[in-house]
N, C-alpha and C. Protein backbone atom coordinates (compact mmCIF):
# COMPACT_ATOMS: atom_id res chain seq x y z
N MET A 1 0.90 -1.17 0.12
CA MET A 1 -0.01 -0.05 0.05
C MET A 1 0.99 1.27 0.02
N MET A 2 0.69 2.10 -0.92
CA MET A 2 1.31 3.46 -0.96
C MET A 2 0.16 4.48 -0.90
N ILE A 3 0.49 5.62 -0.04
CA ILE A 3 -0.40 6.75 -0.11
C ILE A 3 0.33 7.95 -0.57
N ASP A 4 -0.27 8.60 -1.70
CA ASP A 4 0.39 9.63 -2.59
C ASP A 4 1.48 9.39 -3.16
N CYS A 5 1.59 10.01 -4.37
CA CYS A 5 2.94 9.72 -5.06
C CYS A 5 3.60 11.18 -5.33
N GLY A 6 4.50 11.55 -4.34
CA GLY A 6 5.07 12.76 -4.53
C GLY A 6 6.49 12.78 -5.13
N ALA A 7 7.18 13.97 -4.86
CA ALA A 7 8.47 13.90 -5.53
C ALA A 7 9.30 12.97 -5.11
N GLY A 8 9.94 12.13 -6.00
CA GLY A 8 10.98 11.24 -5.61
C GLY A 8 10.46 9.83 -5.25
N THR A 9 9.05 9.70 -5.49
CA THR A 9 8.46 8.37 -4.99
C THR A 9 9.22 7.16 -5.45
N VAL A 10 9.34 6.90 -6.85
CA VAL A 10 9.72 5.88 -7.54
C VAL A 10 11.22 5.53 -6.99
N HIS A 11 12.03 6.78 -7.20
CA HIS A 11 13.44 6.41 -6.88
C HIS A 11 13.59 6.01 -5.32
N ALA A 12 12.90 6.72 -4.52
CA ALA A 12 12.83 6.43 -3.09
C ALA A 12 12.51 4.97 -2.59
N LEU A 13 11.47 4.50 -3.34
CA LEU A 13 11.05 3.13 -3.14
C LEU A 13 12.29 2.12 -3.38
N ALA A 14 12.85 2.28 -4.47
CA ALA A 14 14.09 1.44 -4.97
C ALA A 14 15.26 1.68 -4.10
N ARG A 15 15.49 3.06 -3.78
CA ARG A 15 16.78 3.32 -3.02
C ARG A 15 16.62 2.53 -1.52
N TYR A 16 15.50 2.48 -0.92
CA TYR A 16 15.43 1.97 0.44
C TYR A 16 14.91 0.46 0.48
N GLY A 17 15.06 -0.17 -0.91
CA GLY A 17 14.90 -1.55 -1.00
C GLY A 17 13.29 -1.91 -0.80
N LEU A 18 12.36 -0.97 -0.85
CA LEU A 18 10.98 -1.42 -0.68
C LEU A 18 10.57 -2.20 -1.95
N PRO A 19 9.57 -3.20 -1.84
CA PRO A 19 9.27 -3.93 -2.91
C PRO A 19 8.14 -3.37 -3.68
N TRP A 20 8.37 -2.44 -4.40
CA TRP A 20 7.34 -1.68 -5.22
C TRP A 20 6.75 -2.69 -6.25
N GLU A 21 7.56 -3.63 -6.72
CA GLU A 21 6.81 -4.53 -7.87
C GLU A 21 5.75 -5.19 -7.12
N ARG A 22 5.62 -5.41 -5.87
CA ARG A 22 4.60 -6.22 -5.33
C ARG A 22 3.45 -5.36 -4.72
N MET A 23 3.62 -3.90 -4.93
CA MET A 23 2.50 -2.99 -4.37
C MET A 23 1.02 -3.58 -4.96
N THR A 24 0.09 -3.45 -4.02
CA THR A 24 -1.24 -3.86 -4.38
C THR A 24 -2.16 -2.72 -4.58
N HIS A 25 -2.10 -1.70 -3.67
CA HIS A 25 -2.88 -0.65 -3.79
C HIS A 25 -2.10 0.78 -3.62
N VAL A 26 -2.63 1.84 -4.26
CA VAL A 26 -2.01 3.17 -4.17
C VAL A 26 -3.31 4.10 -3.73
N PHE A 27 -3.26 4.81 -2.67
CA PHE A 27 -4.20 5.94 -2.29
C PHE A 27 -3.69 7.23 -2.59
N VAL A 28 -4.59 8.01 -3.21
CA VAL A 28 -4.39 9.42 -3.72
C VAL A 28 -5.37 10.28 -2.94
N SER A 29 -4.73 11.21 -2.19
CA SER A 29 -5.63 11.88 -1.28
C SER A 29 -6.32 13.03 -2.05
N HIS A 30 -5.68 13.63 -3.01
CA HIS A 30 -6.09 14.71 -3.95
C HIS A 30 -5.21 15.03 -5.08
N PHE A 31 -5.57 15.70 -5.91
CA PHE A 31 -4.89 15.84 -7.33
C PHE A 31 -3.78 17.04 -7.38
N HIS A 32 -3.32 17.64 -6.36
CA HIS A 32 -2.32 18.69 -6.49
C HIS A 32 -1.07 17.89 -6.80
N ALA A 33 -0.23 18.72 -7.53
CA ALA A 33 0.96 18.03 -8.16
C ALA A 33 1.90 17.31 -7.29
N ASP A 34 1.99 17.95 -6.08
CA ASP A 34 2.92 17.33 -5.04
C ASP A 34 2.38 16.12 -4.28
N HIS A 35 1.21 15.69 -4.73
CA HIS A 35 0.60 14.50 -4.15
C HIS A 35 0.30 13.54 -5.28
N VAL A 36 0.46 13.86 -6.50
CA VAL A 36 0.14 12.93 -7.47
C VAL A 36 1.10 12.92 -8.52
N GLY A 37 2.23 13.78 -8.47
CA GLY A 37 3.12 14.12 -9.44
C GLY A 37 3.90 13.00 -10.03
N GLU A 38 4.16 11.91 -9.24
CA GLU A 38 4.66 10.84 -9.74
C GLU A 38 3.96 9.58 -10.07
N LEU A 39 2.70 9.67 -10.01
CA LEU A 39 1.87 8.51 -10.27
C LEU A 39 2.11 7.89 -11.68
N ALA A 40 2.29 8.88 -12.73
CA ALA A 40 2.61 8.55 -14.14
C ALA A 40 3.98 7.84 -14.03
N SER A 41 5.03 8.31 -13.30
CA SER A 41 6.29 7.67 -13.39
C SER A 41 6.13 6.23 -12.76
N LEU A 42 5.30 6.15 -11.75
CA LEU A 42 5.17 4.79 -11.06
C LEU A 42 4.39 3.83 -12.19
N LEU A 43 3.45 4.22 -12.76
CA LEU A 43 2.81 3.37 -13.88
C LEU A 43 3.61 3.15 -14.94
N PHE A 44 4.53 4.10 -15.33
CA PHE A 44 5.53 3.70 -16.42
C PHE A 44 6.60 2.67 -15.73
N ALA A 45 6.87 2.74 -14.60
CA ALA A 45 7.74 1.72 -14.11
C ALA A 45 7.11 0.39 -14.14
N PHE A 46 5.96 0.36 -13.76
CA PHE A 46 5.22 -0.91 -13.84
C PHE A 46 5.21 -1.49 -15.24
N LYS A 47 5.16 -0.63 -16.26
CA LYS A 47 5.10 -1.23 -17.66
C LYS A 47 6.57 -1.63 -18.04
N TRP A 48 7.63 -0.62 -17.67
CA TRP A 48 8.87 -0.92 -18.46
C TRP A 48 10.00 -1.48 -17.38
N GLY A 49 9.85 -1.25 -16.28
CA GLY A 49 10.85 -1.50 -15.30
C GLY A 49 10.81 -2.63 -14.33
N MET A 50 9.80 -3.47 -14.52
CA MET A 50 9.57 -4.58 -13.69
C MET A 50 10.62 -5.88 -14.04
N LYS A 51 11.23 -6.37 -12.93
CA LYS A 51 12.21 -7.41 -13.17
C LYS A 51 11.58 -8.85 -12.68
N THR A 52 10.28 -8.63 -12.20
CA THR A 52 9.45 -9.93 -11.95
C THR A 52 8.18 -9.80 -12.63
N THR A 53 7.30 -10.94 -12.75
CA THR A 53 6.04 -10.85 -13.53
C THR A 53 4.97 -10.79 -12.42
N ARG A 54 3.83 -10.35 -12.72
CA ARG A 54 2.72 -10.43 -11.81
C ARG A 54 1.41 -10.49 -12.58
N GLY A 55 0.41 -11.08 -11.90
CA GLY A 55 -0.89 -11.30 -12.43
C GLY A 55 -2.03 -10.40 -11.76
N GLU A 56 -1.80 -10.27 -10.52
CA GLU A 56 -2.68 -9.45 -9.50
C GLU A 56 -2.95 -8.03 -9.97
N PRO A 57 -4.01 -7.63 -9.81
CA PRO A 57 -4.23 -6.22 -10.12
C PRO A 57 -3.49 -5.09 -9.22
N LEU A 58 -3.42 -3.97 -9.79
CA LEU A 58 -2.88 -2.75 -9.08
C LEU A 58 -4.13 -1.88 -8.82
N THR A 59 -4.69 -1.69 -7.56
CA THR A 59 -5.86 -0.87 -7.28
C THR A 59 -5.53 0.56 -6.90
N LEU A 60 -6.00 1.49 -7.79
CA LEU A 60 -5.87 2.89 -7.44
C LEU A 60 -7.08 3.41 -6.71
N LEU A 61 -6.96 3.97 -5.60
CA LEU A 61 -8.06 4.63 -4.72
C LEU A 61 -7.85 6.14 -4.54
N GLY A 62 -9.12 6.69 -4.64
CA GLY A 62 -8.96 8.28 -4.40
C GLY A 62 -10.24 8.94 -4.58
N PRO A 63 -10.28 10.28 -4.69
CA PRO A 63 -11.47 11.07 -4.82
C PRO A 63 -12.16 10.75 -6.20
N ILE A 64 -13.31 11.39 -6.16
CA ILE A 64 -13.99 11.53 -7.44
C ILE A 64 -13.08 12.26 -8.48
N GLY A 65 -12.96 11.77 -9.73
CA GLY A 65 -11.99 12.45 -10.72
C GLY A 65 -11.01 11.42 -10.81
N LEU A 66 -10.61 10.50 -10.01
CA LEU A 66 -9.53 9.58 -10.21
C LEU A 66 -9.33 8.86 -11.50
N GLU A 67 -10.41 8.35 -12.07
CA GLU A 67 -10.52 7.54 -13.36
C GLU A 67 -10.21 8.55 -14.48
N ARG A 68 -10.79 9.63 -14.53
CA ARG A 68 -10.35 10.65 -15.44
C ARG A 68 -8.80 11.11 -15.41
N LEU A 69 -8.25 11.35 -14.14
CA LEU A 69 -6.88 11.57 -14.17
C LEU A 69 -6.01 10.58 -14.63
N VAL A 70 -6.33 9.38 -14.45
CA VAL A 70 -5.51 8.23 -14.93
C VAL A 70 -5.59 8.09 -16.52
N ALA A 71 -6.87 8.17 -16.95
CA ALA A 71 -7.02 8.23 -18.42
C ALA A 71 -6.35 9.48 -19.08
N ASP A 72 -6.38 10.61 -18.47
CA ASP A 72 -5.68 11.71 -19.07
C ASP A 72 -4.15 11.55 -19.05
N LEU A 73 -3.80 11.06 -18.03
CA LEU A 73 -2.16 10.82 -18.03
C LEU A 73 -1.83 9.84 -19.03
N ASP A 74 -2.48 8.78 -19.20
CA ASP A 74 -2.44 7.63 -20.39
C ASP A 74 -2.42 8.33 -21.57
N HIS A 75 -3.35 9.16 -21.88
CA HIS A 75 -3.51 9.72 -23.29
C HIS A 75 -2.36 10.74 -23.40
N ALA A 76 -2.03 11.54 -22.46
CA ALA A 76 -1.21 12.72 -22.79
C ALA A 76 0.27 12.19 -22.76
N LEU A 77 0.58 11.17 -21.99
CA LEU A 77 1.93 10.81 -21.92
C LEU A 77 2.37 9.46 -22.69
N GLY A 78 1.17 8.98 -23.25
CA GLY A 78 1.47 7.61 -23.96
C GLY A 78 1.87 6.54 -23.10
N LEU A 79 1.29 6.35 -21.81
CA LEU A 79 1.77 5.24 -21.05
C LEU A 79 1.23 3.91 -21.51
N ARG A 80 0.43 3.73 -22.35
CA ARG A 80 -0.01 2.54 -23.01
C ARG A 80 -0.50 1.61 -21.93
N LEU A 81 -1.39 1.95 -20.95
CA LEU A 81 -1.58 1.24 -19.68
C LEU A 81 -2.49 -0.05 -20.09
N GLY A 82 -3.21 0.02 -21.09
CA GLY A 82 -3.86 -1.20 -21.76
C GLY A 82 -2.91 -2.23 -22.09
N GLU A 83 -1.80 -2.03 -22.23
CA GLU A 83 -0.71 -3.26 -22.65
C GLU A 83 -0.18 -3.73 -21.32
N LEU A 84 -0.44 -3.45 -20.32
CA LEU A 84 0.11 -3.98 -19.05
C LEU A 84 -0.40 -5.42 -18.91
N ARG A 85 0.60 -6.15 -18.30
CA ARG A 85 0.12 -7.59 -18.15
C ARG A 85 -0.63 -8.07 -17.04
N PHE A 86 -1.00 -6.89 -16.19
CA PHE A 86 -2.00 -7.05 -15.17
C PHE A 86 -2.80 -5.86 -15.23
N PRO A 87 -4.11 -5.96 -14.58
CA PRO A 87 -5.09 -4.85 -14.50
C PRO A 87 -4.75 -3.83 -13.60
N ILE A 88 -5.18 -2.71 -14.02
CA ILE A 88 -5.15 -1.61 -13.16
C ILE A 88 -6.62 -1.25 -13.03
N GLN A 89 -7.08 -1.10 -11.57
CA GLN A 89 -8.36 -0.83 -11.29
C GLN A 89 -8.47 0.47 -10.64
N CYS A 90 -9.38 1.40 -10.78
CA CYS A 90 -9.67 2.56 -10.20
C CYS A 90 -10.91 2.42 -9.37
N ARG A 91 -10.63 2.86 -8.09
CA ARG A 91 -12.04 2.91 -7.26
C ARG A 91 -12.08 4.31 -6.62
N GLU A 92 -13.16 5.06 -7.14
CA GLU A 92 -13.31 6.38 -6.61
C GLU A 92 -14.11 6.25 -5.32
N LEU A 93 -13.63 7.09 -4.21
CA LEU A 93 -14.32 7.04 -3.03
C LEU A 93 -14.91 8.45 -2.77
N ALA A 94 -16.19 8.27 -2.18
CA ALA A 94 -16.80 9.57 -1.85
C ALA A 94 -16.73 9.52 -0.15
N PRO A 95 -16.63 10.68 0.42
CA PRO A 95 -16.45 10.67 1.93
C PRO A 95 -17.33 9.69 2.84
N ALA A 96 -16.80 9.14 3.63
CA ALA A 96 -17.49 8.07 4.52
C ALA A 96 -17.42 6.65 3.88
N GLU A 97 -17.04 6.41 2.72
CA GLU A 97 -16.94 5.22 2.18
C GLU A 97 -15.84 4.30 2.57
N ARG A 98 -16.08 3.03 2.68
CA ARG A 98 -15.01 2.17 2.97
C ARG A 98 -14.65 1.03 1.92
N HIS A 99 -13.45 0.58 1.91
CA HIS A 99 -12.98 -0.28 0.89
C HIS A 99 -12.16 -1.38 1.54
N GLU A 100 -12.46 -2.63 1.24
CA GLU A 100 -11.65 -3.59 1.97
C GLU A 100 -10.24 -3.99 1.23
N LEU A 101 -9.25 -3.73 1.80
CA LEU A 101 -7.91 -3.93 1.21
C LEU A 101 -7.59 -5.42 1.12
N ALA A 102 -7.82 -6.21 2.12
CA ALA A 102 -7.69 -7.58 2.39
C ALA A 102 -8.58 -8.00 3.39
N PRO A 103 -8.69 -9.35 3.67
CA PRO A 103 -9.59 -9.79 4.78
C PRO A 103 -9.34 -9.29 5.97
N GLY A 104 -10.09 -8.59 6.61
CA GLY A 104 -9.70 -7.82 7.90
C GLY A 104 -9.06 -6.59 8.02
N CYS A 105 -8.66 -6.12 6.76
CA CYS A 105 -7.98 -4.80 6.60
C CYS A 105 -8.97 -3.81 5.83
N THR A 106 -9.31 -2.73 6.33
CA THR A 106 -10.23 -1.83 5.73
C THR A 106 -9.81 -0.41 5.77
N LEU A 107 -9.96 0.26 4.54
CA LEU A 107 -9.63 1.60 4.32
C LEU A 107 -10.88 2.41 4.27
N SER A 108 -10.98 3.56 4.97
CA SER A 108 -12.23 4.30 4.90
C SER A 108 -11.62 5.81 4.80
N VAL A 109 -12.47 6.78 4.31
CA VAL A 109 -12.16 8.17 4.17
C VAL A 109 -13.01 8.99 4.54
N ALA A 110 -12.56 10.36 4.90
CA ALA A 110 -13.35 11.29 5.26
C ALA A 110 -12.94 12.68 4.53
N LYS A 111 -13.99 13.66 4.32
CA LYS A 111 -13.55 14.92 3.61
C LYS A 111 -12.57 15.77 4.45
N THR A 112 -11.73 16.32 3.78
CA THR A 112 -10.92 17.37 4.41
C THR A 112 -11.14 18.77 3.82
N PRO A 113 -11.14 19.96 4.51
CA PRO A 113 -11.04 21.20 3.94
C PRO A 113 -9.75 21.48 3.29
N HIS A 114 -9.65 21.28 2.05
CA HIS A 114 -8.51 21.50 1.30
C HIS A 114 -8.99 21.85 -0.11
N THR A 115 -9.35 20.74 -0.89
CA THR A 115 -9.91 21.00 -2.28
C THR A 115 -11.35 20.53 -2.27
N TRP A 116 -12.05 20.68 -3.26
CA TRP A 116 -13.53 20.25 -3.19
C TRP A 116 -13.70 18.71 -2.99
N ASN A 117 -12.53 17.86 -3.40
CA ASN A 117 -12.67 16.48 -3.19
C ASN A 117 -11.71 15.94 -2.35
N SER A 118 -10.81 16.60 -1.76
CA SER A 118 -9.68 15.98 -0.92
C SER A 118 -10.26 15.09 0.16
N LEU A 119 -9.42 14.20 0.41
CA LEU A 119 -9.62 13.14 1.44
C LEU A 119 -8.69 12.71 2.36
N ALA A 120 -9.11 12.65 3.66
CA ALA A 120 -8.19 11.94 4.70
C ALA A 120 -8.42 10.46 4.62
N VAL A 121 -7.52 9.72 5.12
CA VAL A 121 -7.80 8.34 4.97
C VAL A 121 -7.27 7.50 6.31
N ARG A 122 -8.13 6.55 6.54
CA ARG A 122 -7.84 5.61 7.80
C ARG A 122 -7.81 4.24 7.42
N ILE A 123 -6.80 3.44 7.83
CA ILE A 123 -6.79 2.06 7.57
C ILE A 123 -6.70 1.27 8.94
N ASP A 124 -7.51 0.34 8.96
CA ASP A 124 -7.77 -0.44 10.13
C ASP A 124 -7.54 -1.88 9.84
N GLU A 125 -6.79 -2.74 10.87
CA GLU A 125 -6.65 -3.95 10.68
C GLU A 125 -6.48 -4.50 12.07
N GLY A 126 -7.64 -5.41 12.35
CA GLY A 126 -7.70 -5.90 13.82
C GLY A 126 -7.85 -4.72 14.66
N SER A 127 -6.99 -4.47 15.72
CA SER A 127 -7.04 -3.42 16.80
C SER A 127 -6.01 -2.25 16.45
N ARG A 128 -5.47 -2.33 15.29
CA ARG A 128 -4.39 -1.40 14.77
C ARG A 128 -5.06 -0.39 13.68
N SER A 129 -4.40 0.78 13.77
CA SER A 129 -5.01 1.74 12.58
C SER A 129 -3.79 2.72 12.33
N ILE A 130 -3.78 3.16 11.09
CA ILE A 130 -2.93 4.35 10.70
C ILE A 130 -3.72 5.13 9.91
N CYS A 131 -3.63 6.51 10.28
CA CYS A 131 -4.44 7.58 9.76
C CYS A 131 -3.42 8.59 8.93
N TYR A 132 -3.96 9.17 7.86
CA TYR A 132 -3.19 10.27 7.20
C TYR A 132 -4.05 11.42 6.86
N THR A 133 -3.67 12.48 7.17
CA THR A 133 -4.54 13.79 6.96
C THR A 133 -4.65 14.02 5.28
N GLY A 134 -3.75 13.62 4.51
CA GLY A 134 -3.52 14.38 3.22
C GLY A 134 -3.28 15.82 3.63
N ASP A 135 -3.71 16.60 2.54
CA ASP A 135 -3.75 18.16 3.01
C ASP A 135 -5.06 18.58 3.36
N THR A 136 -5.00 19.40 4.41
CA THR A 136 -6.24 19.73 5.13
C THR A 136 -5.91 21.10 5.93
N GLY A 137 -7.04 21.82 6.13
CA GLY A 137 -7.01 22.77 7.11
C GLY A 137 -7.41 22.19 8.40
N TYR A 138 -7.52 22.93 9.48
CA TYR A 138 -8.05 22.38 10.69
C TYR A 138 -9.43 21.77 10.75
N SER A 139 -9.83 20.68 11.22
CA SER A 139 -11.02 20.12 11.14
C SER A 139 -11.38 19.15 12.28
N ASP A 140 -12.30 19.56 13.14
CA ASP A 140 -12.70 18.63 14.25
C ASP A 140 -13.16 17.37 13.64
N GLU A 141 -13.71 17.41 12.51
CA GLU A 141 -14.25 16.02 12.04
C GLU A 141 -13.33 15.17 11.76
N VAL A 142 -12.14 15.68 11.08
CA VAL A 142 -11.05 14.71 10.73
C VAL A 142 -10.40 14.17 11.99
N GLY A 143 -10.29 15.17 13.11
CA GLY A 143 -9.70 14.53 14.29
C GLY A 143 -10.65 13.40 14.89
N ILE A 144 -12.00 13.65 14.93
CA ILE A 144 -12.91 12.64 15.34
C ILE A 144 -12.72 11.38 14.65
N PHE A 145 -12.58 11.40 13.26
CA PHE A 145 -12.44 10.38 12.32
C PHE A 145 -11.18 9.61 12.59
N PHE A 146 -10.20 10.07 13.19
CA PHE A 146 -8.90 9.52 13.43
C PHE A 146 -8.92 8.99 14.94
N ASP A 147 -10.08 8.99 15.67
CA ASP A 147 -10.02 8.71 17.12
C ASP A 147 -9.49 7.35 17.24
N GLY A 148 -8.44 7.29 18.30
CA GLY A 148 -7.77 6.19 18.94
C GLY A 148 -6.76 5.52 17.91
N THR A 149 -6.49 6.30 17.09
CA THR A 149 -5.45 5.75 16.09
C THR A 149 -4.04 5.36 16.68
N ASP A 150 -3.48 4.33 16.19
CA ASP A 150 -2.06 4.01 16.73
C ASP A 150 -1.03 4.98 16.07
N LEU A 151 -1.25 5.51 14.71
CA LEU A 151 -0.21 6.25 14.17
C LEU A 151 -1.09 7.23 13.30
N MET A 152 -0.82 8.63 13.60
CA MET A 152 -1.35 9.72 12.81
C MET A 152 -0.28 10.48 12.00
N ILE A 153 -0.38 10.36 10.60
CA ILE A 153 0.70 11.01 9.74
C ILE A 153 -0.11 12.30 9.42
N SER A 154 0.46 13.33 9.63
CA SER A 154 -0.13 14.76 9.49
C SER A 154 0.72 15.68 8.61
N GLU A 155 0.14 16.46 7.71
CA GLU A 155 0.65 17.51 7.26
C GLU A 155 0.93 18.39 8.16
N CYS A 156 2.16 19.48 8.02
CA CYS A 156 2.41 20.47 9.07
C CYS A 156 3.20 21.48 8.17
N SER A 157 2.27 22.27 7.47
CA SER A 157 2.86 23.18 6.54
C SER A 157 3.23 24.55 7.02
N PHE A 158 2.75 25.08 8.10
CA PHE A 158 3.12 26.28 8.54
C PHE A 158 3.60 26.41 10.10
N GLU A 159 4.37 27.32 10.48
CA GLU A 159 4.77 27.42 11.71
C GLU A 159 3.62 28.12 12.52
N GLU A 160 2.93 29.05 12.03
CA GLU A 160 1.80 29.65 12.63
C GLU A 160 0.52 29.70 11.65
N PRO A 161 -0.60 29.61 12.22
CA PRO A 161 -1.70 29.51 11.45
C PRO A 161 -1.81 30.67 10.24
N LYS A 162 -2.42 30.35 9.19
CA LYS A 162 -2.50 31.34 8.12
C LYS A 162 -4.01 31.31 7.81
N PRO A 163 -4.76 32.36 8.34
CA PRO A 163 -6.26 32.26 8.08
C PRO A 163 -6.59 32.43 6.60
N GLY A 164 -7.50 31.55 6.11
CA GLY A 164 -7.98 31.45 4.77
C GLY A 164 -7.02 30.39 3.79
N VAL A 165 -5.99 29.99 4.33
CA VAL A 165 -5.12 29.08 3.72
C VAL A 165 -5.20 27.56 4.27
N PRO A 166 -6.09 26.79 3.45
CA PRO A 166 -6.21 25.32 3.94
C PRO A 166 -5.24 24.40 4.22
N HIS A 167 -4.21 24.72 5.12
CA HIS A 167 -3.19 23.76 5.67
C HIS A 167 -3.13 24.03 6.92
N LEU A 168 -2.33 23.05 7.61
CA LEU A 168 -2.28 23.05 9.18
C LEU A 168 -0.78 23.75 9.59
N SER A 169 -1.04 24.34 10.61
CA SER A 169 0.09 25.06 11.45
C SER A 169 0.52 23.96 12.56
N ILE A 170 1.68 24.30 13.28
CA ILE A 170 2.25 23.37 14.26
C ILE A 170 1.27 23.13 15.43
N SER A 171 0.69 24.21 15.90
CA SER A 171 -0.29 24.31 17.02
C SER A 171 -1.50 23.49 16.58
N GLU A 172 -2.16 23.62 15.24
CA GLU A 172 -3.29 22.94 14.92
C GLU A 172 -3.01 21.48 14.61
N VAL A 173 -1.79 21.13 14.20
CA VAL A 173 -1.47 19.53 14.07
C VAL A 173 -1.62 18.96 15.57
N ALA A 174 -0.97 19.69 16.57
CA ALA A 174 -1.04 19.23 17.96
C ALA A 174 -2.41 19.13 18.48
N MET A 175 -3.37 20.04 18.05
CA MET A 175 -4.71 20.04 18.54
C MET A 175 -5.46 18.83 18.04
N MET A 176 -5.22 18.54 16.59
CA MET A 176 -5.78 17.51 16.13
C MET A 176 -5.39 16.15 16.49
N ALA A 177 -4.09 16.03 16.85
CA ALA A 177 -3.61 14.71 17.26
C ALA A 177 -4.16 14.59 18.60
N ARG A 178 -4.17 15.66 19.46
CA ARG A 178 -4.79 15.50 20.89
C ARG A 178 -6.21 14.88 20.71
N GLN A 179 -7.00 15.68 19.79
CA GLN A 179 -8.31 15.30 19.79
C GLN A 179 -8.47 13.85 19.22
N ALA A 180 -7.66 13.26 18.38
CA ALA A 180 -7.70 12.04 17.91
C ALA A 180 -7.22 10.98 18.87
N ARG A 181 -6.59 11.41 19.88
CA ARG A 181 -5.88 10.46 21.05
C ARG A 181 -5.06 9.46 20.30
N ALA A 182 -4.28 9.98 19.41
CA ALA A 182 -3.35 9.34 18.60
C ALA A 182 -2.20 8.86 19.58
N ALA A 183 -1.74 7.72 19.29
CA ALA A 183 -0.59 7.06 20.15
C ALA A 183 0.76 7.78 19.68
N ARG A 184 0.89 7.86 18.37
CA ARG A 184 2.11 8.50 17.73
C ARG A 184 1.68 9.34 16.56
N LEU A 185 2.55 10.41 16.46
CA LEU A 185 2.20 11.58 15.59
C LEU A 185 3.56 11.65 14.63
N VAL A 186 3.41 11.60 13.32
CA VAL A 186 4.48 11.80 12.40
C VAL A 186 4.06 13.02 11.61
N VAL A 187 4.86 13.91 11.50
CA VAL A 187 4.52 15.17 10.62
C VAL A 187 5.51 15.24 9.54
N THR A 188 4.87 15.85 8.45
CA THR A 188 5.54 15.90 7.31
C THR A 188 5.02 17.13 6.51
N HIS A 189 5.38 17.40 5.12
CA HIS A 189 4.75 18.33 4.17
C HIS A 189 5.14 19.91 4.84
N PHE A 190 6.22 20.18 4.84
CA PHE A 190 6.80 21.36 5.51
C PHE A 190 6.96 22.52 4.53
N TYR A 191 6.51 23.70 4.72
CA TYR A 191 6.75 24.81 4.07
C TYR A 191 7.62 25.82 4.74
N PHE A 192 8.45 25.27 5.71
CA PHE A 192 9.44 25.96 6.31
C PHE A 192 10.63 25.38 6.68
N ASP A 193 11.72 25.93 7.10
CA ASP A 193 12.90 25.23 7.38
C ASP A 193 12.79 24.60 8.82
N VAL A 194 13.21 23.22 8.97
CA VAL A 194 12.77 22.54 10.12
C VAL A 194 13.90 22.24 10.94
N ASP A 195 13.87 22.55 12.33
CA ASP A 195 14.78 22.16 13.13
C ASP A 195 14.04 21.02 13.99
N GLU A 196 14.47 19.78 13.51
CA GLU A 196 13.73 18.82 14.19
C GLU A 196 13.43 18.74 15.68
N ALA A 197 14.35 19.08 16.40
CA ALA A 197 14.32 18.99 17.95
C ALA A 197 13.24 20.14 18.23
N VAL A 198 13.46 21.31 17.57
CA VAL A 198 12.58 22.56 18.04
C VAL A 198 11.08 22.06 17.78
N LEU A 199 10.93 21.63 16.49
CA LEU A 199 9.65 21.23 16.00
C LEU A 199 8.97 20.23 17.01
N ALA A 200 9.56 19.32 17.21
CA ALA A 200 9.09 18.21 18.21
C ALA A 200 8.68 18.90 19.59
N ASP A 201 9.34 19.68 20.08
CA ASP A 201 9.21 20.34 21.36
C ASP A 201 7.79 21.29 21.16
N GLN A 202 7.72 22.00 20.07
CA GLN A 202 6.68 22.73 19.91
C GLN A 202 5.34 21.96 19.69
N LEU A 203 5.45 20.68 18.96
CA LEU A 203 4.17 19.91 19.03
C LEU A 203 3.74 19.35 20.31
N ARG A 204 4.79 19.10 21.20
CA ARG A 204 4.71 18.52 22.55
C ARG A 204 3.87 19.42 23.42
N LEU A 205 3.93 20.70 23.14
CA LEU A 205 3.32 21.64 23.93
C LEU A 205 1.73 21.54 23.81
N GLY A 206 1.19 20.80 22.82
CA GLY A 206 -0.23 20.58 22.77
C GLY A 206 -0.66 19.21 22.53
N TYR A 207 0.37 18.29 22.73
CA TYR A 207 -0.01 16.83 22.34
C TYR A 207 1.09 15.99 23.19
N SER A 208 0.62 15.05 23.80
CA SER A 208 1.46 14.24 24.83
C SER A 208 1.90 13.02 24.35
N GLY A 209 1.54 12.55 23.15
CA GLY A 209 1.96 11.41 22.59
C GLY A 209 3.36 11.41 21.94
N GLN A 210 3.85 10.21 21.38
CA GLN A 210 5.29 10.19 20.75
C GLN A 210 5.11 10.97 19.49
N VAL A 211 6.19 11.88 19.23
CA VAL A 211 6.36 12.68 18.17
C VAL A 211 7.41 12.16 17.23
N LEU A 212 7.33 12.15 16.10
CA LEU A 212 8.31 11.81 15.00
C LEU A 212 8.33 12.81 13.83
N ILE A 213 9.46 13.19 13.34
CA ILE A 213 9.40 14.13 12.34
C ILE A 213 9.79 13.25 11.11
N GLY A 214 8.97 13.39 10.00
CA GLY A 214 9.12 12.60 8.86
C GLY A 214 10.32 12.84 8.02
N THR A 215 11.08 11.69 7.68
CA THR A 215 12.32 11.74 7.03
C THR A 215 12.10 10.57 5.79
N ASP A 216 12.88 10.78 4.72
CA ASP A 216 13.13 9.92 3.74
C ASP A 216 13.58 8.38 4.41
N GLY A 217 12.88 7.40 4.08
CA GLY A 217 13.51 6.20 4.47
C GLY A 217 12.84 5.77 5.95
N LEU A 218 11.97 6.57 6.49
CA LEU A 218 11.63 6.32 7.99
C LEU A 218 10.59 5.12 7.78
N VAL A 219 10.89 4.07 8.65
CA VAL A 219 10.06 2.70 8.61
C VAL A 219 9.60 2.71 10.07
N LEU A 220 8.22 2.52 10.21
CA LEU A 220 7.73 2.35 11.61
C LEU A 220 6.98 0.97 11.64
N GLU A 221 6.84 0.39 12.64
CA GLU A 221 5.86 -0.77 12.87
C GLU A 221 4.70 -0.34 13.61
N VAL A 222 3.55 -0.83 13.10
CA VAL A 222 2.24 -0.50 13.74
C VAL A 222 1.66 -1.91 14.37
């Protein structure tokens, strides 16, 4: 499972030895370039760069408009997705919808205040869960949707709130993580120069769980 395809996605997967060829699902939170910009490269790699064979489908999940996005990329870039040796399935999700990723493992989504169709995502398996904000402004509803999660991955765009800009500041991230009662918090998507120790301390002013600063190659067990 991969969530969003940002800059460096394909190279990062290979660099850190992650088995991208066995990927079964890709979730897209919304269609801004920094969250979907390398989807075409990933699909290109599946067509031309695989060293193994596969027959199981690759399922793309995301907001309304996902099917059109994939079709437009295929047409504009000549990806020739119809020639892949395994099927690509698109599943468009509306807020509050659920999708079974595997027996006992469910993905569900909620609306975020960012774009007209942007989504936050929650993945539950047994008693464990992972939640990801995607891009969002502050939202009580998203905090409630994440309630009790083991791991909350959150955008953290600004040091201070910016009224009218639908992204989270440090204090807002902490508030949402506290509301969600998240056991661990990972922050990413920074529009400022990050001092990791200082940022962690600032987040702990409003949130008492474990704080981690997202970095390339970070691996966590849930």
